Amino acid sequence: MKLRALIIDDERPSRDNLKAILVDYFEDIHIIGQAGSVDEALTLLHELNPDLIFLDVQLGPSTGLELLTLFPEPEFETVFITAYDEYAVKAFRTNATDYLLKPIDIDDLREAILKVKSKIKAKREKEVKDQTDAAHNVALGTANFIKINTQDGTEYIAYQDILYLQSINYYTNIVLNDGREIITTKILKDYENMLKEYNFFRVHNSYIINLKYLKGVVAKETYFAKLTNDVQITISRRRKDDFIKFIENNKDKNTEF
């Protein structure tokens, strides 16, 4: 498994040193970019969509921890590489895969990369299973409802009743077209895989919308998906082109748009 990786560190010598180690010892890591600040990192994360980031804690006036708060449900894995051992507990609360101290130990780095590969492999297997299960339900004609696990128990909700889903830390808020909201114990990524067969689209790292209720796309300083009841959901810059292409190809499939 070859991984596409970003190095994020505010010190150029540290970035160059890590890149040299990765090039010399890890043929399965492809460095696709480097960033020295939170702003640079944000741009590259949105544009390049890496599998893995190597992240320092201190990034000029900001921190790597602050960067990760902008990605409540990241699609990339994180390995911290830093000189600051006091941030380890906070780092693991962000769901980071590992936390390594400088100077870099090759064996520790190898173990961290193996952990990353294991997590990515498990996620990909789960995505395939979710998609297979969804397709199976469609084939059986039993796919009208989705099973929702909440802190209070289990509910079955009709797909057509879901207006949109929102990521809230490691939970998901499901908003129904009657205004009711349900907090579930699954992350948004899990629902993305389950809902692909039912005319839903992930327009933002934090939102999935039901295209049945799409009324239009509003272009201001950014793009918004306008839903029934005058709800507006931000469309991320990275997903905008794919979303516009998707709705152009599916305008006649149960949408109001």
Protein backbone atom coordinates (compact mmCIF):
# COMPACT_ATOMS: atom_id res chain seq x y z
CA MET A 1 0.00 0.00 0.00
CA LYS A 2 1.57 3.28 -1.14
CA LEU A 3 0.52 6.31 0.92
CA ARG A 4 0.34 9.93 -0.25
CA ALA A 5 1.70 12.13 2.55
CA LEU A 6 2.09 15.78 3.54
CA ILE A 7 4.78 17.11 5.85
CA ILE A 8 3.58 20.02 8.00
CA ASP A 9 6.25 21.73 10.11
CA ASP A 10 7.16 25.40 10.52
CA GLU A 11 10.91 24.67 10.36
CA ARG A 12 12.31 23.99 6.87
CA PRO A 13 15.32 21.92 8.14
CA SER A 14 12.93 19.63 10.03
CA ARG A 15 10.77 19.16 6.94
CA ASP A 16 13.81 18.41 4.78
CA ASN A 17 15.18 15.97 7.35
CA LEU A 18 11.93 14.02 7.57
CA LYS A 19 11.58 13.97 3.79
CA ALA A 20 15.12 12.58 3.44
CA ILE A 21 14.38 9.82 5.98
CA LEU A 22 11.15 8.89 4.22
CA VAL A 23 12.81 8.83 0.80
CA ASP A 24 15.71 6.69 2.06
CA TYR A 25 13.80 4.21 4.23
CA PHE A 26 10.15 4.14 3.13
CA GLU A 27 9.49 3.51 -0.55
CA ASP A 28 5.78 3.16 0.22
CA ILE A 29 5.47 6.83 1.30
CA HIS A 30 5.04 9.37 -1.51
CA ILE A 31 5.58 12.95 -0.34
CA ILE A 32 3.07 15.10 -2.27
CA GLY A 33 3.75 18.41 -0.52
CA GLN A 34 5.09 20.39 2.42
CA ALA A 35 3.60 23.21 4.48
CA GLY A 36 5.12 25.57 7.03
CA SER A 37 1.95 27.13 8.44
CA VAL A 38 -1.69 26.40 9.16
CA ASP A 39 -2.79 28.44 6.12
CA GLU A 40 -0.43 26.59 3.78
CA ALA A 41 -1.52 23.26 5.28
CA LEU A 42 -5.21 24.06 4.81
CA THR A 43 -4.67 24.85 1.13
CA LEU A 44 -2.74 21.64 0.48
CA LEU A 45 -5.12 19.46 2.50
CA HIS A 46 -8.08 20.67 0.45
CA GLU A 47 -6.27 20.50 -2.89
CA LEU A 48 -4.32 17.24 -2.52
CA ASN A 49 -6.45 15.08 -0.21
CA PRO A 50 -3.55 13.09 1.33
CA ASP A 51 -3.79 9.71 3.04
CA LEU A 52 -1.42 10.77 5.82
CA ILE A 53 0.03 13.91 7.37
CA PHE A 54 3.19 14.19 9.44
CA LEU A 55 2.38 17.10 11.74
CA ASP A 56 4.40 19.23 14.15
CA VAL A 57 2.69 20.65 17.23
CA GLN A 58 4.09 24.16 16.90
CA LEU A 59 3.25 25.95 13.64
CA GLY A 60 4.39 29.54 14.11
CA PRO A 61 1.74 31.39 16.14
CA SER A 62 -0.66 28.45 15.75
CA THR A 63 -0.47 24.73 16.50
CA GLY A 64 -1.06 21.46 14.74
CA LEU A 65 -3.79 20.76 17.28
CA GLU A 66 -5.64 23.90 16.14
CA LEU A 67 -5.30 22.75 12.54
CA LEU A 68 -6.96 19.42 13.35
CA THR A 69 -9.93 21.16 15.01
CA LEU A 70 -10.79 22.41 11.49
CA PHE A 71 -11.23 18.76 10.46
CA PRO A 72 -13.64 17.20 12.98
CA GLU A 73 -13.80 14.06 10.83
CA PRO A 74 -10.57 13.98 8.80
CA GLU A 75 -10.22 11.69 5.82
CA PHE A 76 -6.46 11.55 6.45
CA GLU A 77 -4.44 9.88 9.21
CA THR A 78 -2.15 11.92 11.44
CA VAL A 79 1.28 11.17 12.91
CA PHE A 80 2.64 13.93 15.14
CA ILE A 81 6.41 14.46 14.96
CA THR A 82 7.49 17.09 17.44
CA ALA A 83 9.94 18.17 20.11
CA TYR A 84 7.11 18.83 22.59
CA ASP A 85 6.23 15.77 24.68
CA GLU A 86 3.68 17.64 26.84
CA TYR A 87 1.04 17.67 24.09
CA ALA A 88 0.79 13.89 23.68
CA VAL A 89 -2.50 13.45 25.56
CA LYS A 90 -4.20 16.26 23.61
CA ALA A 91 -2.84 14.84 20.36
CA PHE A 92 -4.34 11.41 20.95
CA ARG A 93 -7.68 13.01 21.75
CA THR A 94 -7.71 14.21 18.13
CA ASN A 95 -7.62 10.56 17.07
CA ALA A 96 -4.01 10.84 15.88
CA THR A 97 -2.45 7.50 15.00
CA ASP A 98 0.87 8.14 16.73
CA TYR A 99 3.00 10.77 18.48
CA LEU A 100 6.75 10.68 17.89
CA LEU A 101 9.44 12.84 19.44
CA LYS A 102 12.35 14.45 17.64
CA PRO A 103 15.01 13.36 16.86
CA ILE A 104 13.19 10.75 14.79
CA ASP A 105 13.80 7.10 15.57
CA ILE A 106 13.51 5.01 12.38
CA ASP A 107 11.97 2.01 14.16
CA ASP A 108 9.36 4.21 15.87
CA LEU A 109 8.53 5.83 12.53
CA ARG A 110 8.22 2.42 10.85
CA GLU A 111 5.83 1.25 13.56
CA ALA A 112 3.74 4.43 13.22
CA ILE A 113 3.45 3.94 9.45
CA LEU A 114 2.36 0.32 9.96
CA LYS A 115 -0.36 1.56 12.33
CA VAL A 116 -1.52 4.06 9.71
CA LYS A 117 -1.68 1.35 7.04
CA SER A 118 -3.66 -0.90 9.35
CA LYS A 119 -6.22 1.86 10.05
CA ILE A 120 -6.58 2.76 6.38
CA LYS A 121 -6.98 -0.91 5.40
CA ALA A 122 -9.72 -1.37 8.03
CA LYS A 123 -11.54 1.78 6.86
CA ARG A 124 -11.43 0.70 3.21
CA GLU A 125 -12.74 -2.76 4.07
CA LYS A 126 -15.59 -1.19 6.02
CA GLU A 127 -16.44 1.12 3.11
CA VAL A 128 -16.64 -1.84 0.76
CA LYS A 129 -18.85 -3.75 3.23
CA ASP A 130 -21.19 -0.77 3.72
CA GLN A 131 -21.56 -0.28 -0.02
CA THR A 132 -22.13 -4.00 -0.57
CA ASP A 133 -24.77 -4.11 2.18
CA ALA A 134 -26.53 -1.06 0.73
CA ALA A 135 -26.57 -2.56 -2.77
CA HIS A 136 -27.88 -5.83 -1.33
CA ASN A 137 -30.72 -4.02 0.42
CA VAL A 138 -31.65 -2.24 -2.81
CA ALA A 139 -31.70 -5.56 -4.66
CA LEU A 140 -33.99 -7.06 -2.03
CA GLY A 141 -36.30 -4.06 -2.06
CA THR A 142 -35.90 -3.64 1.71
CA ALA A 143 -33.95 -0.40 1.64
CA ASN A 144 -36.61 2.11 2.65
CA PHE A 145 -35.26 2.61 6.17
CA ILE A 146 -31.92 3.27 7.80
CA LYS A 147 -31.02 1.93 11.23
CA ILE A 148 -29.92 4.74 13.56
CA ASN A 149 -28.00 3.98 16.74
CA THR A 150 -28.44 6.68 19.38
CA GLN A 151 -27.39 6.97 23.02
CA ASP A 152 -30.94 6.00 23.96
CA GLY A 153 -31.33 2.99 21.68
CA THR A 154 -32.17 2.28 18.04
CA GLU A 155 -34.51 3.99 15.58
CA TYR A 156 -35.45 3.17 11.99
CA ILE A 157 -35.81 6.26 9.80
CA ALA A 158 -37.05 6.42 6.22
CA TYR A 159 -34.32 7.64 3.88
CA GLN A 160 -36.74 10.04 2.22
CA ASP A 161 -37.36 11.76 5.58
CA ILE A 162 -33.71 12.81 6.01
CA LEU A 163 -33.00 16.41 5.00
CA TYR A 164 -29.26 16.46 5.78
CA LEU A 165 -26.62 15.04 8.12
CA GLN A 166 -24.04 17.06 10.04
CA SER A 167 -20.81 15.95 11.65
CA ILE A 168 -20.45 17.00 15.30
CA ASN A 169 -17.09 15.87 16.66
CA TYR A 170 -17.30 12.07 16.64
CA TYR A 171 -21.10 11.96 16.34
CA THR A 172 -23.56 12.74 13.57
CA ASN A 173 -26.65 14.96 13.78
CA ILE A 174 -29.40 13.75 11.44
CA VAL A 175 -31.89 16.50 10.58
CA LEU A 176 -35.27 15.35 9.27
CA ASN A 177 -37.55 17.26 6.91
CA ASP A 178 -40.03 17.85 9.77
CA GLY A 179 -37.32 19.65 11.78
CA ARG A 180 -36.59 16.83 14.20
CA GLU A 181 -32.92 16.16 14.98
CA ILE A 182 -31.33 12.88 16.04
CA ILE A 183 -27.79 12.59 17.44
CA THR A 184 -26.24 9.28 16.44
CA THR A 185 -23.13 7.44 17.59
CA LYS A 186 -21.72 6.85 14.10
CA ILE A 187 -19.39 9.30 12.36
CA LEU A 188 -20.41 11.02 9.14
CA LYS A 189 -18.07 8.89 7.02
CA ASP A 190 -20.05 5.77 7.97
CA TYR A 191 -23.27 7.36 6.71
CA GLU A 192 -21.58 8.58 3.54
CA ASN A 193 -20.89 4.98 2.55
CA MET A 194 -24.37 3.80 3.53
CA LEU A 195 -26.20 6.58 1.66
CA LYS A 196 -24.40 6.61 -1.69
CA GLU A 197 -27.09 4.41 -3.23
CA TYR A 198 -29.93 6.71 -2.10
CA ASN A 199 -29.25 10.02 -3.87
CA PHE A 200 -27.30 11.67 -1.04
CA PHE A 201 -24.11 13.69 -1.59
CA ARG A 202 -21.35 14.83 0.76
CA VAL A 203 -20.98 18.51 -0.12
CA HIS A 204 -18.65 19.40 2.76
CA ASN A 205 -16.41 17.69 5.28
CA SER A 206 -19.21 18.28 7.81
CA TYR A 207 -22.38 17.81 5.71
CA ILE A 208 -24.24 15.24 3.61
CA ILE A 209 -27.45 16.39 1.92
CA ASN A 210 -30.45 14.55 0.51
CA LEU A 211 -30.74 15.60 -3.15
CA LYS A 212 -34.48 14.94 -2.99
CA TYR A 213 -34.74 18.29 -1.19
CA LEU A 214 -32.22 20.26 -3.25
CA LYS A 215 -33.84 23.44 -4.63
CA GLY A 216 -30.77 25.12 -6.07
CA VAL A 217 -27.16 26.21 -5.68
CA VAL A 218 -26.39 29.73 -4.44
CA ALA A 219 -23.07 31.31 -5.42
CA LYS A 220 -21.87 34.13 -3.13
CA GLU A 221 -18.35 34.38 -1.71
CA THR A 222 -18.70 30.61 -1.42
CA TYR A 223 -21.22 28.10 -2.73
CA PHE A 224 -24.30 26.91 -0.85
CA ALA A 225 -26.78 24.09 -1.46
CA LYS A 226 -30.27 25.50 -0.94
CA LEU A 227 -32.65 22.91 0.50
CA THR A 228 -36.33 22.81 1.35
CA ASN A 229 -37.37 25.10 4.25
CA ASP A 230 -34.74 27.66 3.13
CA VAL A 231 -31.91 25.64 4.67
CA GLN A 232 -28.51 26.55 3.18
CA ILE A 233 -25.56 24.16 3.47
CA THR A 234 -22.00 25.23 2.62
CA ILE A 235 -20.39 23.43 -0.31
CA SER A 236 -16.65 23.06 0.20
CA ARG A 237 -14.30 24.34 -2.47
CA ARG A 238 -12.79 20.87 -2.88
CA ARG A 239 -16.16 19.19 -3.48
CA LYS A 240 -17.87 21.92 -5.52
CA ASP A 241 -16.92 20.77 -9.03
CA ASP A 242 -17.83 17.14 -8.34
CA PHE A 243 -21.13 18.23 -6.82
CA ILE A 244 -22.10 20.44 -9.77
CA LYS A 245 -21.19 17.64 -12.17
CA PHE A 246 -23.20 15.15 -10.11
CA ILE A 247 -26.39 17.20 -10.07
CA GLU A 248 -26.05 17.94 -13.79
CA ASN A 249 -25.93 14.21 -14.42
CA ASN A 250 -28.79 13.44 -12.01
CA LYS A 251 -31.22 16.35 -12.37
CA ASP A 252 -34.14 14.08 -13.15
CA LYS A 253 -33.61 11.71 -10.25
CA ASN A 254 -36.02 12.78 -7.54
CA THR A 255 -34.69 16.30 -6.95
CA GLU A 256 -36.62 19.56 -6.80
CA PHE A 257 -33.71 21.32 -8.54
